[in-house]
C-alpha cells in the first residue's frame, strides 16, 4: 500500500523535541497536527514556535509570508482522535517502551489503514515498539536530532517487520521536508546515541572529578574538534533528566559501564537542575525562548 503524505501528526508536541518536529513539518508545507495531553504545554510550544519563526524572519531565513503560511498549517489539539486525519504520525513521547507501545496501540484503533507510524525513539528497538500495535509492517524509526528545527539529520530505522515500501515512503518524506536521512539497523542507540550517551557521561564525570569546568570543557570541544555546541550545552538542551532516562534505557541493553548514570547527574536532577527548561543546569538561563529563536 502506497501512502501519499499530506498531513502529519506529532504526538508529544508540547515538549522540546515534538515542538521542533512540528516546525519541520509545517515549515516544509505539510498540514501539521500537534498533539499533547496538556494544553499548557501546547500553548508554550506554540508561543516558542512563533518566536522561532519571527527570529527566522529577522535573520532573512524566512519571509513574513512564509512564516504566516507555516503557522497557518500548524494545529494544536489535546484530542488524540484528531491524529486520524494524518498520513504520518510521529511520536516524540516519554522514552519508555510501554508508553510508546500503548500510544501506537491506541493510534492503530483510530487511524486509517494507510497511516504510517514513526517513532522518534533514541534508544529503544523499533521492532519492540511496533510489537502488538496491529500494524507492525507500517512502523518505522525516525530519530530527529535536537534541536529538530535546526538539525537536518534523521536516523531512519526499519523494524524486522517494516514493509520496504513503507520505509521508502517515510524516507522520501524526510527528503521532501528538507532533512538528511541515514539508514541504521534496529540496534540500541542507532548511530548518535551509541556514541553520545557514553561520551556525554564521560564529560559529566570529568566535571565531577574537577578536570575542568563545564564551560572550559565545552570551549575545548568546540575549539579543538569544531563542534558547534559543547557537550554540557547539549545536555542542558536535551535535559539532564532526559540524559538519566537515556542512561537507564541504554545501560541495561549494552552493559557498557560508560553508559551508566554518573552520580553528579543524579544529584543535579534531584536538585532540580534540569537544564534550559528549568533555568539551570551546567549553565544558568533566563527567558523561555526556543533554541535558535
Foldseek 3Di string as FASTA:
>chain_A
DAFDFQEEEEEPCLDQQSLLVLLLQLLLPHQYEYEYQDVVSVVLSLVQLLVLVVVCCVVVNDPPVSSVSSSVSYHYDHDLLVCQVGQEYEYDDDQDLVVLLVSLLVVLVRHDPNRAYEYQHQFAFQQSSLPPSPCLQRYKYWHADPVNNPAQETEIERHPNHDPSNSVNVVVVSVSSVHDYDYFYRHGRTPVHVPLLLVLLVLVVCCVVPVDAQVVQQVCCCVVVVDPTRSQLRQLQVWLVVSQVSLVSHCVRPVPPSSHHDPVSVVCVVVVQTHPVSQHHSHGHDDDHRVND
